[in-house]
Amino acid sequence: MGVAALPLIGWPAGCAAAAAVGVLAHAVVRRPRPAPALLIYGDGQVDWPAAGFAGLEIADGTRFTALWALLVLRPPGGAPAFRVLLIADQLDTATWRTLLARLGRAGAIGRPPRADHDRRRDLR
């Protein structure tokens, strides 16, 4: 049940406030991890230095929209592919647009944002 719904269903204000404090404390303690440092090249090759991968290929199944990108990365040598999900808020605007442009050039399936699109409008 959502914290916002507690006052609507008749719970005492003290319970609703305690639940809200719990949710806020959880948000502070369990912050999302930063985006992984990926190096994406114009030819579709990806390096992931923190995980020790170099020469990854953007594989079939990679998809993106204006707000998220799901990267399916295949290591060389026939190892199984893995997925990395990036959200637009994890990167600054210029880096995000560069990522989407490179994914589009690499043949990923997606719909890049319009030239006049400002992603902050979508996240109100």
PDB file of N, CA and C in Angstrom:
ATOM      1  N   MET A   1       0.856  -1.170   0.000  1.00  0.00           N
ATOM      2  CA  MET A   1       0.000   0.000   0.000  1.00  0.00           C
ATOM      3  C   MET A   1       0.901   1.232   0.000  1.00  0.00           C
ATOM      4  N   GLY A   2       0.549   2.210  -0.788  1.00  0.00           N
ATOM      5  CA  GLY A   2       1.347   3.415  -0.883  1.00  0.00           C
ATOM      6  C   GLY A   2       1.220   4.288   0.343  1.00  0.00           C
ATOM      7  N   VAL A   3       2.286   4.972   0.685  1.00  0.00           N
ATOM      8  CA  VAL A   3       2.299   5.865   1.838  1.00  0.00           C
ATOM      9  C   VAL A   3       1.292   6.996   1.645  1.00  0.00           C
ATOM     10  N   ALA A   4       1.141   7.459   0.422  1.00  0.00           N
ATOM     11  CA  ALA A   4       0.204   8.559   0.156  1.00  0.00           C
ATOM     12  C   ALA A   4      -1.236   8.141   0.404  1.00  0.00           C
ATOM     13  N   ALA A   5      -1.521   6.850   0.327  1.00  0.00           N
ATOM     14  CA  ALA A   5      -2.887   6.386   0.515  1.00  0.00           C
ATOM     15  C   ALA A   5      -3.261   6.223   1.988  1.00  0.00           C
ATOM     16  N   LEU A   6      -2.305   6.212   2.892  1.00  0.00           N
ATOM     17  CA  LEU A   6      -2.608   5.970   4.297  1.00  0.00           C
ATOM     18  C   LEU A   6      -3.603   6.975   4.882  1.00  0.00           C
ATOM     19  N   PRO A   7      -3.450   8.278   4.672  1.00  0.00           N
ATOM     20  CA  PRO A   7      -4.448   9.194   5.240  1.00  0.00           C
ATOM     21  C   PRO A   7      -5.822   9.015   4.612  1.00  0.00           C
ATOM     22  N   LEU A   8      -5.880   8.528   3.385  1.00  0.00           N
ATOM     23  CA  LEU A   8      -7.151   8.380   2.696  1.00  0.00           C
ATOM     24  C   LEU A   8      -7.960   7.200   3.204  1.00  0.00           C
ATOM     25  N   ILE A   9      -7.317   6.196   3.773  1.00  0.00           N
ATOM     26  CA  ILE A   9      -8.050   5.023   4.226  1.00  0.00           C
ATOM     27  C   ILE A   9      -8.356   5.079   5.724  1.00  0.00           C
ATOM     28  N   GLY A  10      -8.070   6.199   6.328  1.00  0.00           N
ATOM     29  CA  GLY A  10      -8.469   6.369   7.716  1.00  0.00           C
ATOM     30  C   GLY A  10      -7.431   5.988   8.752  1.00  0.00           C
ATOM     31  N   TRP A  11      -6.208   5.761   8.368  1.00  0.00           N
ATOM     32  CA  TRP A  11      -5.188   5.486   9.359  1.00  0.00           C
ATOM     33  C   TRP A  11      -4.904   6.751  10.137  1.00  0.00           C
ATOM     34  N   PRO A  12      -4.536   6.648  11.383  1.00  0.00           N
ATOM     35  CA  PRO A  12      -4.193   7.833  12.160  1.00  0.00           C
ATOM     36  C   PRO A  12      -3.003   8.569  11.541  1.00  0.00           C
ATOM     37  N   ALA A  13      -2.961   9.853  11.735  1.00  0.00           N
ATOM     38  CA  ALA A  13      -1.909  10.680  11.152  1.00  0.00           C
ATOM     39  C   ALA A  13      -0.528  10.235  11.636  1.00  0.00           C
ATOM     40  N   GLY A  14      -0.437   9.774  12.868  1.00  0.00           N
ATOM     41  CA  GLY A  14       0.848   9.307  13.395  1.00  0.00           C
ATOM     42  C   GLY A  14       1.383   8.112  12.627  1.00  0.00           C
ATOM     43  N   CYS A  15       0.506   7.178  12.251  1.00  0.00           N
ATOM     44  CA  CYS A  15       0.928   6.011  11.468  1.00  0.00           C
ATOM     45  C   CYS A  15       1.380   6.431  10.070  1.00  0.00           C
ATOM     46  N   ALA A  16       0.629   7.349   9.475  1.00  0.00           N
ATOM     47  CA  ALA A  16       0.994   7.831   8.144  1.00  0.00           C
ATOM     48  C   ALA A  16       2.340   8.550   8.193  1.00  0.00           C
ATOM     49  N   ALA A  17       2.565   9.359   9.212  1.00  0.00           N
ATOM     50  CA  ALA A  17       3.829  10.081   9.336  1.00  0.00           C
ATOM     51  C   ALA A  17       4.982   9.102   9.565  1.00  0.00           C
ATOM     52  N   ALA A  18       4.760   8.090  10.405  1.00  0.00           N
ATOM     53  CA  ALA A  18       5.805   7.092  10.657  1.00  0.00           C
ATOM     54  C   ALA A  18       6.146   6.331   9.376  1.00  0.00           C
ATOM     55  N   ALA A  19       5.140   6.005   8.593  1.00  0.00           N
ATOM     56  CA  ALA A  19       5.384   5.309   7.332  1.00  0.00           C
ATOM     57  C   ALA A  19       6.162   6.201   6.366  1.00  0.00           C
ATOM     58  N   ALA A  20       5.812   7.472   6.314  1.00  0.00           N
ATOM     59  CA  ALA A  20       6.514   8.410   5.435  1.00  0.00           C
ATOM     60  C   ALA A  20       7.977   8.554   5.849  1.00  0.00           C
ATOM     61  N   VAL A  21       8.234   8.617   7.146  1.00  0.00           N
ATOM     62  CA  VAL A  21       9.613   8.702   7.636  1.00  0.00           C
ATOM     63  C   VAL A  21      10.372   7.435   7.265  1.00  0.00           C
ATOM     64  N   GLY A  22       9.726   6.295   7.371  1.00  0.00           N
ATOM     65  CA  GLY A  22      10.368   5.033   6.998  1.00  0.00           C
ATOM     66  C   GLY A  22      10.740   4.986   5.526  1.00  0.00           C
ATOM     67  N   VAL A  23       9.844   5.461   4.679  1.00  0.00           N
ATOM     68  CA  VAL A  23      10.125   5.480   3.244  1.00  0.00           C
ATOM     69  C   VAL A  23      11.277   6.440   2.940  1.00  0.00           C
ATOM     70  N   LEU A  24      11.276   7.612   3.562  1.00  0.00           N
ATOM     71  CA  LEU A  24      12.356   8.571   3.345  1.00  0.00           C
ATOM     72  C   LEU A  24      13.698   8.030   3.837  1.00  0.00           C
ATOM     73  N   ALA A  25      13.691   7.378   4.997  1.00  0.00           N
ATOM     74  CA  ALA A  25      14.930   6.796   5.516  1.00  0.00           C
ATOM     75  C   ALA A  25      15.452   5.711   4.567  1.00  0.00           C
ATOM     76  N   HIS A  26      14.548   4.904   4.042  1.00  0.00           N
ATOM     77  CA  HIS A  26      14.945   3.871   3.086  1.00  0.00           C
ATOM     78  C   HIS A  26      15.550   4.504   1.835  1.00  0.00           C
ATOM     79  N   ALA A  27      14.979   5.599   1.356  1.00  0.00           N
ATOM     80  CA  ALA A  27      15.498   6.282   0.167  1.00  0.00           C
ATOM     81  C   ALA A  27      16.896   6.845   0.408  1.00  0.00           C
ATOM     82  N   VAL A  28      17.167   7.304   1.631  1.00  0.00           N
ATOM     83  CA  VAL A  28      18.491   7.853   1.935  1.00  0.00           C
ATOM     84  C   VAL A  28      19.519   6.733   2.069  1.00  0.00           C
ATOM     85  N   VAL A  29      19.162   5.651   2.737  1.00  0.00           N
ATOM     86  CA  VAL A  29      20.100   4.561   2.994  1.00  0.00           C
ATOM     87  C   VAL A  29      20.363   3.738   1.730  1.00  0.00           C
ATOM     88  N   ARG A  30      19.347   3.483   0.942  1.00  0.00           N
ATOM     89  CA  ARG A  30      19.469   2.615  -0.231  1.00  0.00           C
ATOM     90  C   ARG A  30      19.416   3.405  -1.536  1.00  0.00           C
ATOM     91  N   ARG A  31      20.298   4.370  -1.660  1.00  0.00           N
ATOM     92  CA  ARG A  31      20.342   5.182  -2.886  1.00  0.00           C
ATOM     93  C   ARG A  31      20.734   4.310  -4.074  1.00  0.00           C
ATOM     94  N   PRO A  32      20.208   4.618  -5.256  1.00  0.00           N
ATOM     95  CA  PRO A  32      20.605   3.833  -6.428  1.00  0.00           C
ATOM     96  C   PRO A  32      22.077   4.030  -6.755  1.00  0.00           C
ATOM     97  N   ARG A  33      22.672   3.002  -7.286  1.00  0.00           N
ATOM     98  CA  ARG A  33      24.067   3.085  -7.678  1.00  0.00           C
ATOM     99  C   ARG A  33      24.217   4.029  -8.864  1.00  0.00           C
ATOM    100  N   PRO A  34      25.366   4.669  -8.996  1.00  0.00           N
ATOM    101  CA  PRO A  34      25.592   5.519 -10.175  1.00  0.00           C
ATOM    102  C   PRO A  34      25.676   4.663 -11.435  1.00  0.00           C
ATOM    103  N   ALA A  35      25.504   5.303 -12.556  1.00  0.00           N
ATOM    104  CA  ALA A  35      25.585   4.594 -13.829  1.00  0.00           C
ATOM    105  C   ALA A  35      26.990   4.019 -14.006  1.00  0.00           C
ATOM    106  N   PRO A  36      27.089   2.824 -14.568  1.00  0.00           N
ATOM    107  CA  PRO A  36      28.421   2.256 -14.792  1.00  0.00           C
ATOM    108  C   PRO A  36      29.175   3.070 -15.836  1.00  0.00           C
ATOM    109  N   ALA A  37      30.473   3.116 -15.702  1.00  0.00           N
ATOM    110  CA  ALA A  37      31.302   3.837 -16.665  1.00  0.00           C
ATOM    111  C   ALA A  37      31.474   2.967 -17.900  1.00  0.00           C
ATOM    112  N   LEU A  38      30.691   3.257 -18.923  1.00  0.00           N
ATOM    113  CA  LEU A  38      30.760   2.532 -20.179  1.00  0.00           C
ATOM    114  C   LEU A  38      31.391   3.429 -21.233  1.00  0.00           C
ATOM    115  N   LEU A  39      32.276   2.877 -22.032  1.00  0.00           N
ATOM    116  CA  LEU A  39      32.865   3.602 -23.152  1.00  0.00           C
ATOM    117  C   LEU A  39      32.258   3.021 -24.420  1.00  0.00           C
ATOM    118  N   ILE A  40      31.425   3.811 -25.091  1.00  0.00           N
ATOM    119  CA  ILE A  40      30.724   3.343 -26.287  1.00  0.00           C
ATOM    120  C   ILE A  40      31.328   4.049 -27.492  1.00  0.00           C
ATOM    121  N   TYR A  41      31.792   3.263 -28.443  1.00  0.00           N
ATOM    122  CA  TYR A  41      32.451   3.801 -29.627  1.00  0.00           C
ATOM    123  C   TYR A  41      31.480   3.814 -30.800  1.00  0.00           C
ATOM    124  N   GLY A  42      31.788   4.618 -31.796  1.00  0.00           N
ATOM    125  CA  GLY A  42      30.914   4.791 -32.946  1.00  0.00           C
ATOM    126  C   GLY A  42      30.677   3.518 -33.741  1.00  0.00           C
ATOM    127  N   ASP A  43      31.586   2.550 -33.662  1.00  0.00           N
ATOM    128  CA  ASP A  43      31.420   1.307 -34.417  1.00  0.00           C
ATOM    129  C   ASP A  43      30.597   0.274 -33.668  1.00  0.00           C
ATOM    130  N   GLY A  44      30.047   0.633 -32.517  1.00  0.00           N
ATOM    131  CA  GLY A  44      29.207  -0.287 -31.754  1.00  0.00           C
ATOM    132  C   GLY A  44      29.956  -1.089 -30.708  1.00  0.00           C
ATOM    133  N   GLN A  45      31.244  -0.890 -30.562  1.00  0.00           N
ATOM    134  CA  GLN A  45      32.026  -1.577 -29.537  1.00  0.00           C
ATOM    135  C   GLN A  45      31.870  -0.851 -28.204  1.00  0.00           C
ATOM    136  N   VAL A  46      31.864  -1.618 -27.119  1.00  0.00           N
ATOM    137  CA  VAL A  46      31.684  -1.059 -25.783  1.00  0.00           C
ATOM    138  C   VAL A  46      32.773  -1.612 -24.875  1.00  0.00           C
ATOM    139  N   ASP A  47      33.379  -0.740 -24.084  1.00  0.00           N
ATOM    140  CA  ASP A  47      34.300  -1.164 -23.025  1.00  0.00           C
ATOM    141  C   ASP A  47      33.651  -0.841 -21.688  1.00  0.00           C
ATOM    142  N   TRP A  48      33.797  -1.762 -20.730  1.00  0.00           N
ATOM    143  CA  TRP A  48      33.290  -1.572 -19.372  1.00  0.00           C
ATOM    144  C   TRP A  48      34.465  -1.793 -18.439  1.00  0.00           C
ATOM    145  N   PRO A  49      35.280  -0.742 -18.210  1.00  0.00           N
ATOM    146  CA  PRO A  49      36.524  -0.907 -17.447  1.00  0.00           C
ATOM    147  C   PRO A  49      36.321  -1.426 -16.025  1.00  0.00           C
ATOM    148  N   ALA A  50      35.291  -0.982 -15.332  1.00  0.00           N
ATOM    149  CA  ALA A  50      35.087  -1.381 -13.935  1.00  0.00           C
ATOM    150  C   ALA A  50      34.850  -2.880 -13.797  1.00  0.00           C
ATOM    151  N   ALA A  51      34.258  -3.508 -14.811  1.00  0.00           N
ATOM    152  CA  ALA A  51      33.982  -4.944 -14.755  1.00  0.00           C
ATOM    153  C   ALA A  51      35.052  -5.756 -15.466  1.00  0.00           C
ATOM    154  N   GLY A  52      36.036  -5.062 -16.069  1.00  0.00           N
ATOM    155  CA  GLY A  52      37.112  -5.761 -16.736  1.00  0.00           C
ATOM    156  C   GLY A  52      36.771  -6.253 -18.137  1.00  0.00           C
ATOM    157  N   PHE A  53      35.763  -5.679 -18.776  1.00  0.00           N
ATOM    158  CA  PHE A  53      35.372  -6.093 -20.117  1.00  0.00           C
ATOM    159  C   PHE A  53      35.841  -5.077 -21.135  1.00  0.00           C
ATOM    160  N   ALA A  54      36.338  -5.573 -22.252  1.00  0.00           N
ATOM    161  CA  ALA A  54      36.718  -4.724 -23.382  1.00  0.00           C
ATOM    162  C   ALA A  54      36.250  -5.410 -24.655  1.00  0.00           C
ATOM    163  N   GLY A  55      35.894  -4.631 -25.651  1.00  0.00           N
ATOM    164  CA  GLY A  55      35.478  -5.185 -26.928  1.00  0.00           C
ATOM    165  C   GLY A  55      34.105  -5.814 -26.920  1.00  0.00           C
ATOM    166  N   LEU A  56      33.224  -5.377 -26.022  1.00  0.00           N
ATOM    167  CA  LEU A  56      31.855  -5.891 -26.010  1.00  0.00           C
ATOM    168  C   LEU A  56      31.121  -5.403 -27.253  1.00  0.00           C
ATOM    169  N   GLU A  57      30.209  -6.209 -27.751  1.00  0.00           N
ATOM    170  CA  GLU A  57      29.388  -5.821 -28.887  1.00  0.00           C
ATOM    171  C   GLU A  57      27.984  -5.509 -28.420  1.00  0.00           C
ATOM    172  N   ILE A  58      27.374  -4.487 -29.007  1.00  0.00           N
ATOM    173  CA  ILE A  58      25.972  -4.212 -28.744  1.00  0.00           C
ATOM    174  C   ILE A  58      25.177  -5.252 -29.518  1.00  0.00           C
ATOM    175  N   ALA A  59      24.485  -6.134 -28.807  1.00  0.00           N
ATOM    176  CA  ALA A  59      23.829  -7.283 -29.414  1.00  0.00           C
ATOM    177  C   ALA A  59      22.362  -6.995 -29.720  1.00  0.00           C
ATOM    178  N   ASP A  60      21.758  -7.933 -30.458  1.00  0.00           N
ATOM    179  CA  ASP A  60      20.326  -7.849 -30.725  1.00  0.00           C
ATOM    180  C   ASP A  60      19.569  -7.823 -29.408  1.00  0.00           C
ATOM    181  N   GLY A  61      18.515  -7.060 -29.366  1.00  0.00           N
ATOM    182  CA  GLY A  61      17.737  -6.912 -28.137  1.00  0.00           C
ATOM    183  C   GLY A  61      17.998  -5.597 -27.438  1.00  0.00           C
ATOM    184  N   THR A  62      19.030  -4.863 -27.877  1.00  0.00           N
ATOM    185  CA  THR A  62      19.284  -3.541 -27.315  1.00  0.00           C
ATOM    186  C   THR A  62      18.169  -2.618 -27.760  1.00  0.00           C
ATOM    187  N   ARG A  63      17.582  -1.919 -26.795  1.00  0.00           N
ATOM    188  CA  ARG A  63      16.462  -1.028 -27.081  1.00  0.00           C
ATOM    189  C   ARG A  63      16.654   0.264 -26.307  1.00  0.00           C
ATOM    190  N   PHE A  64      16.036   1.337 -26.810  1.00  0.00           N
ATOM    191  CA  PHE A  64      16.120   2.609 -26.099  1.00  0.00           C
ATOM    192  C   PHE A  64      14.930   3.483 -26.428  1.00  0.00           C
ATOM    193  N   THR A  65      14.625   4.360 -25.504  1.00  0.00           N
ATOM    194  CA  THR A  65      13.635   5.412 -25.697  1.00  0.00           C
ATOM    195  C   THR A  65      14.273   6.703 -25.201  1.00  0.00           C
ATOM    196  N   ALA A  66      13.493   7.749 -25.136  1.00  0.00           N
ATOM    197  CA  ALA A  66      14.008   9.022 -24.641  1.00  0.00           C
ATOM    198  C   ALA A  66      14.322   8.961 -23.152  1.00  0.00           C
ATOM    199  N   LEU A  67      13.757   7.996 -22.415  1.00  0.00           N
ATOM    200  CA  LEU A  67      13.917   7.954 -20.959  1.00  0.00           C
ATOM    201  C   LEU A  67      14.765   6.805 -20.445  1.00  0.00           C
ATOM    202  N   TRP A  68      14.978   5.752 -21.235  1.00  0.00           N
ATOM    203  CA  TRP A  68      15.784   4.626 -20.775  1.00  0.00           C
ATOM    204  C   TRP A  68      16.465   3.952 -21.955  1.00  0.00           C
ATOM    205  N   ALA A  69      17.514   3.217 -21.635  1.00  0.00           N
ATOM    206  CA  ALA A  69      18.225   2.420 -22.643  1.00  0.00           C
ATOM    207  C   ALA A  69      18.578   1.071 -22.018  1.00  0.00           C
ATOM    208  N   LEU A  70      18.196   0.005 -22.690  1.00  0.00           N
ATOM    209  CA  LEU A  70      18.538  -1.345 -22.265  1.00  0.00           C
ATOM    210  C   LEU A  70      19.620  -1.854 -23.211  1.00  0.00           C
ATOM    211  N   LEU A  71      20.834  -1.976 -22.702  1.00  0.00           N
ATOM    212  CA  LEU A  71      21.963  -2.423 -23.509  1.00  0.00           C
ATOM    213  C   LEU A  71      22.143  -3.923 -23.326  1.00  0.00           C
ATOM    214  N   VAL A  72      22.121  -4.650 -24.410  1.00  0.00           N
ATOM    215  CA  VAL A  72      22.451  -6.075 -24.395  1.00  0.00           C
ATOM    216  C   VAL A  72      23.865  -6.162 -24.942  1.00  0.00           C
ATOM    217  N   LEU A  73      24.787  -6.552 -24.090  1.00  0.00           N
ATOM    218  CA  LEU A  73      26.214  -6.553 -24.434  1.00  0.00           C
ATOM    219  C   LEU A  73      26.740  -7.979 -24.490  1.00  0.00           C
ATOM    220  N   ARG A  74      27.436  -8.307 -25.582  1.00  0.00           N
ATOM    221  CA  ARG A  74      27.977  -9.652 -25.762  1.00  0.00           C
ATOM    222  C   ARG A  74      29.497  -9.591 -25.735  1.00  0.00           C
ATOM    223  N   PRO A  75      30.116 -10.307 -24.800  1.00  0.00           N
ATOM    224  CA  PRO A  75      31.578 -10.359 -24.761  1.00  0.00           C
ATOM    225  C   PRO A  75      32.120 -11.152 -25.960  1.00  0.00           C
ATOM    226  N   PRO A  76      33.368 -10.875 -26.349  1.00  0.00           N
ATOM    227  CA  PRO A  76      33.954 -11.662 -27.441  1.00  0.00           C
ATOM    228  C   PRO A  76      34.162 -13.107 -27.009  1.00  0.00           C
ATOM    229  N   GLY A  77      34.183 -13.993 -27.970  1.00  0.00           N
ATOM    230  CA  GLY A  77      34.455 -15.396 -27.673  1.00  0.00           C
ATOM    231  C   GLY A  77      33.221 -16.225 -27.403  1.00  0.00           C
ATOM    232  N   GLY A  78      32.055 -15.725 -27.696  1.00  0.00           N
ATOM    233  CA  GLY A  78      30.837 -16.519 -27.553  1.00  0.00           C
ATOM    234  C   GLY A  78      30.295 -16.636 -26.141  1.00  0.00           C
ATOM    235  N   ALA A  79      30.801 -15.844 -25.206  1.00  0.00           N
ATOM    236  CA  ALA A  79      30.255 -15.865 -23.847  1.00  0.00           C
ATOM    237  C   ALA A  79      28.824 -15.327 -23.872  1.00  0.00           C
ATOM    238  N   PRO A  80      28.002 -15.708 -22.898  1.00  0.00           N
ATOM    239  CA  PRO A  80      26.617 -15.232 -22.894  1.00  0.00           C
ATOM    240  C   PRO A  80      26.538 -13.713 -22.729  1.00  0.00           C
ATOM    241  N   ALA A  81      25.547 -13.141 -23.383  1.00  0.00           N
ATOM    242  CA  ALA A  81      25.325 -11.696 -23.302  1.00  0.00           C
ATOM    243  C   ALA A  81      24.715 -11.344 -21.950  1.00  0.00           C
ATOM    244  N   PHE A  82      24.883 -10.085 -21.551  1.00  0.00           N
ATOM    245  CA  PHE A  82      24.261  -9.598 -20.337  1.00  0.00           C
ATOM    246  C   PHE A  82      23.646  -8.242 -20.617  1.00  0.00           C
ATOM    247  N   ARG A  83      22.805  -7.787 -19.710  1.00  0.00           N
ATOM    248  CA  ARG A  83      22.046  -6.556 -19.918  1.00  0.00           C
ATOM    249  C   ARG A  83      22.430  -5.494 -18.908  1.00  0.00           C
ATOM    250  N   VAL A  84      22.440  -4.244 -19.389  1.00  0.00           N
ATOM    251  CA  VAL A  84      22.676  -3.077 -18.540  1.00  0.00           C
ATOM    252  C   VAL A  84      21.539  -2.111 -18.822  1.00  0.00           C
ATOM    253  N   LEU A  85      20.794  -1.738 -17.791  1.00  0.00           N
ATOM    254  CA  LEU A  85      19.691  -0.785 -17.934  1.00  0.00           C
ATOM    255  C   LEU A  85      20.160   0.573 -17.434  1.00  0.00           C
ATOM    256  N   LEU A  86      20.065   1.579 -18.291  1.00  0.00           N
ATOM    257  CA  LEU A  86      20.412   2.947 -17.932  1.00  0.00           C
ATOM    258  C   LEU A  86      19.152   3.806 -17.996  1.00  0.00           C
ATOM    259  N   ILE A  87      18.989   4.650 -16.995  1.00  0.00           N
ATOM    260  CA  ILE A  87      17.871   5.583 -16.940  1.00  0.00           C
ATOM    261  C   ILE A  87      18.405   6.977 -17.259  1.00  0.00           C
ATOM    262  N   ALA A  88      17.604   7.784 -17.926  1.00  0.00           N
ATOM    263  CA  ALA A  88      18.048   9.112 -18.369  1.00  0.00           C
ATOM    264  C   ALA A  88      18.574   9.959 -17.217  1.00  0.00           C
ATOM    265  N   ASP A  89      18.021   9.824 -16.028  1.00  0.00           N
ATOM    266  CA  ASP A  89      18.435  10.644 -14.893  1.00  0.00           C
ATOM    267  C   ASP A  89      19.818  10.273 -14.368  1.00  0.00           C
ATOM    268  N   GLN A  90      20.366   9.133 -14.780  1.00  0.00           N
ATOM    269  CA  GLN A  90      21.687   8.739 -14.310  1.00  0.00           C
ATOM    270  C   GLN A  90      22.812   9.489 -15.010  1.00  0.00           C
ATOM    271  N   LEU A  91      22.522  10.104 -16.148  1.00  0.00           N
ATOM    272  CA  LEU A  91      23.536  10.782 -16.943  1.00  0.00           C
ATOM    273  C   LEU A  91      23.122  12.224 -17.189  1.00  0.00           C
ATOM    274  N   ASP A  92      24.104  13.085 -17.439  1.00  0.00           N
ATOM    275  CA  ASP A  92      23.754  14.459 -17.787  1.00  0.00           C
ATOM    276  C   ASP A  92      23.165  14.478 -19.200  1.00  0.00           C
ATOM    277  N   THR A  93      22.497  15.548 -19.545  1.00  0.00           N
ATOM    278  CA  THR A  93      21.743  15.623 -20.794  1.00  0.00           C
ATOM    279  C   THR A  93      22.618  15.397 -22.021  1.00  0.00           C
ATOM    280  N   ALA A  94      23.792  16.033 -22.078  1.00  0.00           N
ATOM    281  CA  ALA A  94      24.661  15.895 -23.249  1.00  0.00           C
ATOM    282  C   ALA A  94      25.138  14.449 -23.416  1.00  0.00           C
ATOM    283  N   THR A  95      25.514  13.797 -22.329  1.00  0.00           N
ATOM    284  CA  THR A  95      25.969  12.411 -22.394  1.00  0.00           C
ATOM    285  C   THR A  95      24.837  11.490 -22.817  1.00  0.00           C
ATOM    286  N   TRP A  96      23.633  11.753 -22.295  1.00  0.00           N
ATOM    287  CA  TRP A  96      22.470  10.923 -22.641  1.00  0.00           C
ATOM    288  C   TRP A  96      22.164  11.024 -24.133  1.00  0.00           C
ATOM    289  N   ARG A  97      22.168  12.220 -24.667  1.00  0.00           N
ATOM    290  CA  ARG A  97      21.875  12.395 -26.099  1.00  0.00           C
ATOM    291  C   ARG A  97      22.957  11.748 -26.963  1.00  0.00           C
ATOM    292  N   THR A  98      24.203  11.843 -26.538  1.00  0.00           N
ATOM    293  CA  THR A  98      25.284  11.196 -27.267  1.00  0.00           C
ATOM    294  C   THR A  98      25.101   9.679 -27.256  1.00  0.00           C
ATOM    295  N   LEU A  99      24.733   9.127 -26.109  1.00  0.00           N
ATOM    296  CA  LEU A  99      24.487   7.692 -25.998  1.00  0.00           C
ATOM    297  C   LEU A  99      23.383   7.264 -26.956  1.00  0.00           C
ATOM    298  N   LEU A 100      22.263   7.976 -26.968  1.00  0.00           N
ATOM    299  CA  LEU A 100      21.157   7.599 -27.844  1.00  0.00           C
ATOM    300  C   LEU A 100      21.555   7.705 -29.318  1.00  0.00           C
ATOM    301  N   ALA A 101      22.324   8.733 -29.660  1.00  0.00           N
ATOM    302  CA  ALA A 101      22.767   8.875 -31.042  1.00  0.00           C
ATOM    303  C   ALA A 101      23.675   7.714 -31.447  1.00  0.00           C
ATOM    304  N   ARG A 102      24.575   7.314 -30.567  1.00  0.00           N
ATOM    305  CA  ARG A 102      25.481   6.198 -30.884  1.00  0.00           C
ATOM    306  C   ARG A 102      24.726   4.877 -30.948  1.00  0.00           C
ATOM    307  N   LEU A 103      23.743   4.704 -30.089  1.00  0.00           N
ATOM    308  CA  LEU A 103      22.930   3.490 -30.165  1.00  0.00           C
ATOM    309  C   LEU A 103      22.164   3.442 -31.475  1.00  0.00           C
ATOM    310  N   GLY A 104      21.636   4.580 -31.895  1.00  0.00           N
ATOM    311  CA  GLY A 104      20.921   4.630 -33.168  1.00  0.00           C
ATOM    312  C   GLY A 104      21.830   4.294 -34.342  1.00  0.00           C
ATOM    313  N   ARG A 105      23.054   4.819 -34.320  1.00  0.00           N
ATOM    314  CA  ARG A 105      24.014   4.518 -35.395  1.00  0.00           C
ATOM    315  C   ARG A 105      24.447   3.054 -35.357  1.00  0.00           C
ATOM    316  N   ALA A 106      24.462   2.460 -34.163  1.00  0.00           N
ATOM    317  CA  ALA A 106      24.871   1.060 -34.034  1.00  0.00           C
ATOM    318  C   ALA A 106      23.759   0.092 -34.432  1.00  0.00           C
ATOM    319  N   GLY A 107      22.572   0.615 -34.756  1.00  0.00           N
ATOM    320  CA  GLY A 107      21.477  -0.237 -35.204  1.00  0.00           C
ATOM    321  C   GLY A 107      20.555  -0.710 -34.106  1.00  0.00           C
ATOM    322  N   ALA A 108      20.624  -0.109 -32.937  1.00  0.00           N
ATOM    323  CA  ALA A 108      19.716  -0.503 -31.857  1.00  0.00           C
ATOM    324  C   ALA A 108      18.291  -0.078 -32.210  1.00  0.00           C
ATOM    325  N   ILE A 109      17.334  -0.803 -31.697  1.00  0.00           N
ATOM    326  CA  ILE A 109      15.935  -0.491 -31.948  1.00  0.00           C
ATOM    327  C   ILE A 109      15.498   0.556 -30.939  1.00  0.00           C
ATOM    328  N   GLY A 110      14.961   1.643 -31.420  1.00  0.00           N
ATOM    329  CA  GLY A 110      14.499   2.659 -30.491  1.00  0.00           C
ATOM    330  C   GLY A 110      13.949   3.859 -31.191  1.00  0.00           C
ATOM    331  N   ARG A 111      13.514   4.764 -30.387  1.00  0.00           N
ATOM    332  CA  ARG A 111      12.981   6.026 -30.887  1.00  0.00           C
ATOM    333  C   ARG A 111      13.735   7.130 -30.188  1.00  0.00           C
ATOM    334  N   PRO A 112      14.681   7.768 -30.875  1.00  0.00           N
ATOM    335  CA  PRO A 112      15.417   8.850 -30.225  1.00  0.00           C
ATOM    336  C   PRO A 112      14.497  10.033 -29.954  1.00  0.00           C
ATOM    337  N   PRO A 113      14.852  10.868 -29.007  1.00  0.00           N
ATOM    338  CA  PRO A 113      14.011  12.020 -28.705  1.00  0.00           C
ATOM    339  C   PRO A 113      13.999  13.003 -29.867  1.00  0.00           C
ATOM    340  N   ARG A 114      12.905  13.729 -29.971  1.00  0.00           N
ATOM    341  CA  ARG A 114      12.816  14.787 -30.981  1.00  0.00           C
ATOM    342  C   ARG A 114      13.844  15.864 -30.673  1.00  0.00           C
ATOM    343  N   ALA A 115      14.185  16.636 -31.664  1.00  0.00           N
ATOM    344  CA  ALA A 115      15.189  17.685 -31.473  1.00  0.00           C
ATOM    345  C   ALA A 115      14.728  18.711 -30.448  1.00  0.00           C
ATOM    346  N   ASP A 116      13.425  18.965 -30.367  1.00  0.00           N
ATOM    347  CA  ASP A 116      12.914  19.959 -29.427  1.00  0.00           C
ATOM    348  C   ASP A 116      12.498  19.340 -28.093  1.00  0.00           C
ATOM    349  N   HIS A 117      12.803  18.059 -27.906  1.00  0.00           N
ATOM    350  CA  HIS A 117      12.374  17.348 -26.706  1.00  0.00           C
ATOM    351  C   HIS A 117      13.265  17.695 -25.518  1.00  0.00           C
ATOM    352  N   ASP A 118      12.645  17.981 -24.405  1.00  0.00           N
ATOM    353  CA  ASP A 118      13.365  18.223 -23.156  1.00  0.00           C
ATOM    354  C   ASP A 118      12.908  17.156 -22.180  1.00  0.00           C
ATOM    355  N   ARG A 119      13.786  16.203 -21.827  1.00  0.00           N
ATOM    356  CA  ARG A 119      13.358  15.063 -21.011  1.00  0.00           C
ATOM    357  C   ARG A 119      12.850  15.471 -19.650  1.00  0.00           C
ATOM    358  N   ARG A 120      13.202  16.645 -19.162  1.00  0.00           N
ATOM    359  CA  ARG A 120      12.719  17.068 -17.842  1.00  0.00           C
ATOM    360  C   ARG A 120      11.209  17.269 -17.843  1.00  0.00           C
ATOM    361  N   ARG A 121      10.637  17.597 -19.002  1.00  0.00           N
ATOM    362  CA  ARG A 121       9.176  17.742 -19.062  1.00  0.00           C
ATOM    363  C   ARG A 121       8.482  16.420 -18.806  1.00  0.00           C
ATOM    364  N   ASP A 122       9.112  15.295 -19.202  1.00  0.00           N
ATOM    365  CA  ASP A 122       8.503  13.984 -19.039  1.00  0.00           C
ATOM    366  C   ASP A 122       8.561  13.483 -17.596  1.00  0.00           C
ATOM    367  N   LEU A 123       9.400  14.069 -16.774  1.00  0.00           N
ATOM    368  CA  LEU A 123       9.634  13.552 -15.432  1.00  0.00           C
ATOM    369  C   LEU A 123       9.031  14.444 -14.347  1.00  0.00           C
ATOM    370  N   ARG A 124       7.926  15.109 -14.651  1.00  0.00           N
ATOM    371  CA  ARG A 124       7.347  16.002 -13.644  1.00  0.00           C
ATOM    372  C   ARG A 124       6.813  15.246 -12.473  1.00  0.00           C
TER     373      ARG A 124
END
